[in-house]
Amino acid sequence: MLNLTQPKDNITIVLSRNILEISFGPVSVAPLLIFIYINGFVLFTLRCKPVFRETPRYVLLYNLIFSDTFQLAVGQLLYILAYVHVYMIRYLCVIIVMLAMLTTNISPFNLAVMSLERYVAVCFPLRHSAFVTAKNTGVSIAVVWAICGINTIIRIFMLILLESMPLDQYMLDFCAKETLFKQKLFYDFDKAFTGVTFTSVGIVILCSYFGVMIVAKSASSDKASTTKAKKTVVLHMIQLLLILSSTLISPILKAISDKVDRPTLERIYYILFLCLVNLPRCLSGLIYGLRDHTIRPCLLYHLSFGLRHPKLGQTSTVPSNKH
């Protein structure tokens, strides 16, 4: 007598796995698309009024959310291509990965500049308008992009000089930083740059925090202003730590690559990519948009398509340096 139970069980297991694989992609993509949508409205809000376009701290916030949103969009593209197993020409993968790495590195430096701006606003309120001007803010943003751009160009030259595979050939794996840069030198360079970046940015944020703390203890200080500035700098540090968590992906993958099979490794990579790279960057637009009393009415107005707080969405409030 033939045993028909085992084949049915095997078919059930295979079908269950296929259903999980099919549903995993849309379920994981949908939340990030929502956050990209929210970030897009925050960016639109920050450009819809002169008061946002001309205030340095809002210009810095725009640069932060723009880089995070761009990184989210590029990351989503890489994730979707990997999920549907699309293998592309090597030079196209280089362009996409370099754009993702460029915008990834911008956020930490931008957080450092934002912390310095809060430090000047609280510790030197009378000279804030002289130090933090639209011109100086633009120069700071240009320096941040230049540093990250030089780092990206160095990686491109390293890839061309050290990798033997031609750039016009199709890749045998999905497009990602870990599959593109395989030599140990790339890993060492990335580790050194990441260490220098987060150490220097962390020192700047900590010094800004302690500077605000010292002013907060003085009797003549504006307690409400210094308290809010202190919370803002702490928020910057938390964001920096969340961004730093994205550097754990490569060590984790290297540690488990020999212990699990390829499909399991790919699923782990997807989960790490979503949790450690994308999700931390989804929070900037939502947190700053709802936390700031000047942005929040406009953001709610645009998110509700004019159905909520229409009067607040049309008013213009000049922001104070106390925020």
Protein backbone atom coordinates (compact mmCIF):
# COMPACT_ATOMS: atom_id res chain seq x y z
CA MET A 1 0.00 0.00 0.00
CA LEU A 2 1.42 3.41 -0.99
CA ASN A 3 1.99 6.05 1.67
CA LEU A 4 0.26 9.17 0.33
CA THR A 5 0.53 11.17 3.54
CA GLN A 6 4.18 12.13 3.13
CA PRO A 7 3.85 13.64 -0.37
CA LYS A 8 0.80 15.61 0.75
CA ASP A 9 2.69 16.88 3.76
CA ASN A 10 5.60 17.90 1.54
CA ILE A 11 3.28 19.71 -0.87
CA THR A 12 1.65 21.52 2.06
CA ILE A 13 5.03 22.64 3.39
CA VAL A 14 6.15 23.85 -0.04
CA LEU A 15 2.90 25.74 -0.60
CA SER A 16 3.12 27.32 2.84
CA ARG A 17 6.68 28.47 2.19
CA ASN A 18 5.70 29.89 -1.20
CA ILE A 19 2.78 31.80 0.33
CA LEU A 20 5.10 33.24 2.99
CA GLU A 21 7.65 34.24 0.37
CA ILE A 22 4.99 35.91 -1.80
CA SER A 23 3.39 37.79 1.11
CA PHE A 24 6.69 38.80 2.75
CA GLY A 25 7.57 41.31 0.03
CA PRO A 26 4.36 43.41 -0.06
CA VAL A 27 3.98 43.34 3.74
CA SER A 28 7.53 44.61 4.28
CA VAL A 29 7.40 47.20 1.49
CA ALA A 30 4.05 48.79 2.39
CA PRO A 31 5.11 50.49 5.67
CA LEU A 32 8.19 52.03 4.07
CA LEU A 33 6.15 53.37 1.17
CA ILE A 34 3.86 55.03 3.71
CA PHE A 35 6.84 56.67 5.42
CA ILE A 36 8.24 57.82 2.07
CA TYR A 37 4.82 59.33 1.40
CA ILE A 38 4.89 61.15 4.78
CA ASN A 39 8.47 62.35 4.23
CA GLY A 40 7.43 63.66 0.83
CA PHE A 41 4.73 65.79 2.41
CA VAL A 42 7.18 67.06 5.04
CA LEU A 43 9.58 68.08 2.28
CA PHE A 44 6.74 69.76 0.41
CA THR A 45 5.71 71.58 3.60
CA LEU A 46 9.27 72.82 4.17
CA ARG A 47 9.34 74.32 0.67
CA CYS A 48 5.83 75.73 0.47
CA LYS A 49 6.47 78.87 2.54
CA PRO A 50 9.29 81.45 2.62
CA VAL A 51 9.51 81.19 6.42
CA PHE A 52 10.67 77.57 6.05
CA ARG A 53 12.94 78.21 3.07
CA GLU A 54 14.72 81.13 4.76
CA THR A 55 15.15 79.83 8.33
CA PRO A 56 18.51 77.99 8.74
CA ARG A 57 17.26 75.26 11.06
CA TYR A 58 14.44 74.38 8.66
CA VAL A 59 16.89 74.36 5.76
CA LEU A 60 19.06 71.89 7.70
CA LEU A 61 15.99 69.81 8.51
CA TYR A 62 15.05 69.77 4.84
CA ASN A 63 18.52 68.51 3.91
CA LEU A 64 18.29 65.76 6.56
CA ILE A 65 14.85 64.54 5.50
CA PHE A 66 15.73 64.83 1.80
CA SER A 67 18.81 62.62 2.20
CA ASP A 68 16.88 60.13 4.34
CA THR A 69 13.99 60.01 1.87
CA PHE A 70 16.32 59.58 -1.10
CA GLN A 71 18.13 56.80 0.74
CA LEU A 72 14.80 55.14 1.54
CA ALA A 73 13.73 55.29 -2.11
CA VAL A 74 17.02 53.85 -3.37
CA GLY A 75 16.98 51.22 -0.63
CA GLN A 76 13.45 50.23 -1.59
CA LEU A 77 14.54 49.91 -5.21
CA LEU A 78 17.42 47.61 -4.25
CA TYR A 79 15.15 45.58 -1.99
CA ILE A 80 12.50 45.10 -4.68
CA LEU A 81 15.11 44.13 -7.28
CA ALA A 82 16.61 41.60 -4.88
CA TYR A 83 13.19 40.24 -3.88
CA VAL A 84 12.16 39.56 -7.49
CA HIS A 85 15.68 38.23 -8.27
CA VAL A 86 16.61 40.81 -10.89
CA TYR A 87 20.31 40.69 -11.73
CA MET A 88 21.63 43.83 -13.41
CA ILE A 89 24.72 45.02 -15.22
CA ARG A 90 27.54 45.75 -12.82
CA TYR A 91 27.98 49.46 -13.57
CA LEU A 92 24.26 50.10 -13.04
CA CYS A 93 24.51 48.44 -9.64
CA VAL A 94 27.55 50.60 -8.85
CA ILE A 95 25.58 53.78 -9.60
CA ILE A 96 22.61 52.76 -7.43
CA VAL A 97 24.74 51.55 -4.51
CA MET A 98 26.92 54.67 -4.59
CA LEU A 99 23.85 56.92 -4.48
CA ALA A 100 22.58 54.95 -1.48
CA MET A 101 25.95 55.18 0.28
CA LEU A 102 26.23 58.92 -0.46
CA THR A 103 22.88 59.75 1.13
CA THR A 104 23.52 57.34 4.01
CA ASN A 105 26.65 59.22 5.05
CA ILE A 106 25.03 62.66 4.82
CA SER A 107 22.64 62.18 7.74
CA PRO A 108 25.29 61.89 10.55
CA PHE A 109 27.14 65.03 9.44
CA ASN A 110 23.86 66.90 9.04
CA LEU A 111 22.89 65.94 12.60
CA ALA A 112 26.18 67.40 13.83
CA VAL A 113 25.47 70.71 12.08
CA MET A 114 21.93 70.76 13.48
CA SER A 115 23.28 70.20 17.00
CA LEU A 116 25.77 73.04 16.59
CA GLU A 117 22.95 75.31 15.43
CA ARG A 118 20.95 74.52 18.58
CA TYR A 119 24.08 75.09 20.71
CA VAL A 120 24.62 78.55 19.20
CA ALA A 121 20.92 79.41 19.55
CA VAL A 122 20.92 78.64 23.29
CA CYS A 123 24.45 79.60 24.34
CA PHE A 124 24.84 82.69 22.12
CA PRO A 125 21.27 83.90 21.48
CA LEU A 126 22.31 87.48 20.75
CA ARG A 127 24.84 86.40 18.12
CA HIS A 128 22.80 83.55 16.66
CA SER A 129 21.48 85.60 13.75
CA ALA A 130 25.02 86.70 12.89
CA PHE A 131 26.56 83.21 13.07
CA VAL A 132 23.72 81.12 11.67
CA THR A 133 22.89 82.86 8.41
CA ALA A 134 21.39 81.50 5.22
CA LYS A 135 24.81 81.76 3.55
CA ASN A 136 26.64 79.90 6.33
CA THR A 137 23.95 77.24 6.36
CA GLY A 138 24.33 76.72 2.62
CA VAL A 139 28.11 76.46 3.01
CA SER A 140 27.69 73.88 5.80
CA ILE A 141 25.39 71.77 3.66
CA ALA A 142 27.78 72.03 0.70
CA VAL A 143 30.69 70.88 2.91
CA VAL A 144 28.66 67.90 4.14
CA TRP A 145 27.81 66.82 0.60
CA ALA A 146 31.42 67.38 -0.51
CA ILE A 147 32.84 65.15 2.26
CA CYS A 148 30.39 62.37 1.43
CA GLY A 149 30.98 62.85 -2.29
CA ILE A 150 34.76 62.50 -1.90
CA ASN A 151 34.25 59.32 0.11
CA THR A 152 32.02 57.94 -2.66
CA ILE A 153 34.54 58.82 -5.39
CA ILE A 154 37.33 57.07 -3.46
CA ARG A 155 35.21 53.91 -3.29
CA ILE A 156 34.57 54.04 -7.04
CA PHE A 157 38.29 54.27 -7.79
CA MET A 158 38.98 51.43 -5.38
CA LEU A 159 36.36 49.30 -7.12
CA ILE A 160 37.80 50.00 -10.57
CA LEU A 161 41.41 49.35 -9.52
CA LEU A 162 40.95 46.35 -7.25
CA GLU A 163 38.08 44.37 -8.74
CA SER A 164 38.85 42.21 -11.76
CA MET A 165 35.27 41.73 -12.98
CA PRO A 166 34.41 44.18 -15.81
CA LEU A 167 31.74 46.75 -15.10
CA ASP A 168 29.77 45.88 -18.25
CA GLN A 169 29.04 42.29 -17.22
CA TYR A 170 25.91 41.02 -15.54
CA MET A 171 26.19 40.32 -11.83
CA LEU A 172 25.69 36.78 -10.58
CA ASP A 173 24.04 38.01 -7.39
CA PHE A 174 21.52 40.65 -6.34
CA CYS A 175 22.72 44.23 -6.17
CA ALA A 176 23.95 45.29 -2.73
CA LYS A 177 27.02 46.80 -1.11
CA GLU A 178 28.01 43.44 0.37
CA THR A 179 27.89 41.69 -3.03
CA LEU A 180 29.61 44.54 -4.86
CA PHE A 181 32.54 45.12 -2.49
CA LYS A 182 33.94 41.72 -1.59
CA GLN A 183 37.61 42.40 -0.89
CA LYS A 184 38.80 42.90 2.68
CA LEU A 185 40.25 46.33 1.85
CA PHE A 186 36.76 47.66 1.18
CA TYR A 187 35.57 46.36 4.53
CA ASP A 188 38.55 47.92 6.33
CA PHE A 189 38.08 51.26 4.58
CA ASP A 190 34.36 51.28 5.36
CA LYS A 191 35.06 50.40 8.98
CA ALA A 192 37.64 53.18 9.34
CA PHE A 193 35.44 55.83 7.69
CA THR A 194 32.44 54.80 9.76
CA GLY A 195 34.49 54.92 12.95
CA VAL A 196 35.88 58.39 12.22
CA THR A 197 32.46 59.69 11.14
CA PHE A 198 30.46 58.52 14.12
CA THR A 199 33.19 59.35 16.63
CA SER A 200 33.55 62.92 15.40
CA VAL A 201 29.80 63.47 15.05
CA GLY A 202 29.19 61.91 18.47
CA ILE A 203 31.74 64.27 20.07
CA VAL A 204 30.08 67.29 18.42
CA ILE A 205 26.61 66.26 19.63
CA LEU A 206 27.85 65.49 23.16
CA CYS A 207 29.68 68.81 23.40
CA SER A 208 26.56 70.61 22.19
CA TYR A 209 24.48 68.78 24.79
CA PHE A 210 26.81 69.62 27.68
CA GLY A 211 27.02 73.22 26.50
CA VAL A 212 23.23 73.50 26.58
CA MET A 213 23.20 71.77 30.00
CA ILE A 214 25.59 74.37 31.44
CA VAL A 215 23.44 77.22 30.15
CA ALA A 216 20.30 75.51 31.49
CA LYS A 217 21.71 75.64 35.03
CA SER A 218 22.23 79.40 34.95
CA ALA A 219 19.54 81.50 36.59
CA SER A 220 19.30 83.92 33.65
CA SER A 221 18.58 81.28 31.02
CA ASP A 222 15.21 80.71 29.36
CA LYS A 223 14.25 77.39 30.94
CA ALA A 224 11.66 76.45 28.32
CA SER A 225 14.04 77.20 25.46
CA THR A 226 17.01 75.35 26.95
CA THR A 227 14.87 72.35 27.90
CA LYS A 228 13.54 72.02 24.38
CA ALA A 229 17.00 72.50 22.89
CA LYS A 230 18.36 69.82 25.22
CA LYS A 231 15.65 67.38 24.12
CA THR A 232 16.40 68.19 20.49
CA VAL A 233 20.11 67.41 20.91
CA VAL A 234 19.23 64.15 22.70
CA LEU A 235 16.98 63.30 19.76
CA HIS A 236 19.93 63.90 17.42
CA MET A 237 22.06 61.49 19.47
CA ILE A 238 19.34 58.83 19.35
CA GLN A 239 19.10 59.26 15.58
CA LEU A 240 22.88 58.91 15.31
CA LEU A 241 22.80 55.65 17.28
CA LEU A 242 19.99 54.32 15.08
CA ILE A 243 21.98 55.16 11.95
CA LEU A 244 25.05 53.55 13.52
CA SER A 245 23.08 50.31 13.87
CA SER A 246 23.09 49.99 10.07
CA THR A 247 26.84 49.26 10.21
CA LEU A 248 26.08 45.97 11.98
CA ILE A 249 24.68 44.34 8.83
CA SER A 250 28.00 43.29 7.29
CA PRO A 251 29.45 41.75 10.52
CA ILE A 252 26.20 39.86 11.15
CA LEU A 253 26.09 38.48 7.62
CA LYS A 254 29.75 37.48 7.76
CA ALA A 255 29.18 35.66 11.06
CA ILE A 256 26.21 33.61 9.85
CA SER A 257 27.02 33.17 6.15
CA ASP A 258 28.62 29.74 6.73
CA LYS A 259 25.93 28.51 9.13
CA VAL A 260 22.73 28.94 7.08
CA ASP A 261 21.69 28.16 3.53
CA ARG A 262 21.40 30.80 0.80
CA PRO A 263 17.59 31.37 0.94
CA THR A 264 17.73 31.82 4.72
CA LEU A 265 20.68 34.19 4.39
CA GLU A 266 18.75 36.29 1.86
CA ARG A 267 15.73 36.53 4.15
CA ILE A 268 17.95 37.55 7.08
CA TYR A 269 19.58 40.18 4.88
CA TYR A 270 16.16 41.56 3.90
CA ILE A 271 15.06 41.77 7.55
CA LEU A 272 18.30 43.44 8.66
CA PHE A 273 18.12 45.85 5.74
CA LEU A 274 14.56 46.86 6.63
CA CYS A 275 15.07 47.10 10.41
CA LEU A 276 18.58 48.56 10.63
CA VAL A 277 18.83 50.69 7.49
CA ASN A 278 15.38 51.78 6.35
CA LEU A 279 13.18 51.96 9.44
CA PRO A 280 15.47 54.32 11.47
CA ARG A 281 15.38 56.78 8.58
CA CYS A 282 11.61 56.65 8.38
CA LEU A 283 11.28 58.45 11.69
CA SER A 284 12.90 61.82 10.92
CA GLY A 285 10.05 63.31 8.91
CA LEU A 286 7.32 62.05 11.20
CA ILE A 287 9.06 63.02 14.48
CA TYR A 288 10.18 66.49 13.40
CA GLY A 289 6.97 67.17 11.50
CA LEU A 290 4.74 66.43 14.49
CA ARG A 291 7.13 67.79 17.14
CA ASP A 292 7.62 71.24 15.64
CA HIS A 293 4.69 73.55 16.39
CA THR A 294 5.26 75.54 13.21
CA ILE A 295 5.49 72.57 10.84
CA ARG A 296 2.75 70.44 12.45
CA PRO A 297 -0.31 72.50 11.36
CA CYS A 298 0.96 72.72 7.79
CA LEU A 299 1.85 69.02 7.71
CA LEU A 300 -1.56 67.95 9.04
CA TYR A 301 -3.22 70.28 6.57
CA HIS A 302 -1.38 68.75 3.59
CA LEU A 303 -1.67 65.15 4.82
CA SER A 304 -5.44 65.58 5.14
CA PHE A 305 -5.59 67.20 1.68
CA GLY A 306 -6.96 70.42 3.18
CA LEU A 307 -9.71 68.73 5.20
CA ARG A 308 -8.09 69.33 8.58
CA HIS A 309 -6.99 72.63 10.09
CA PRO A 310 -7.46 74.60 6.85
CA LYS A 311 -6.89 77.94 8.60
CA LEU A 312 -3.71 76.73 10.31
CA GLY A 313 -2.46 75.36 7.04
CA GLN A 314 -2.82 78.76 5.43
CA THR A 315 -1.28 80.84 8.18
CA SER A 316 2.37 81.70 8.48
CA THR A 317 4.11 81.82 11.82
CA VAL A 318 7.64 83.08 12.06
CA PRO A 319 9.63 80.47 13.99
CA SER A 320 11.64 81.46 17.00
CA ASN A 321 15.17 80.37 17.78
CA LYS A 322 13.83 78.99 21.03
CA HIS A 323 12.55 75.79 19.42
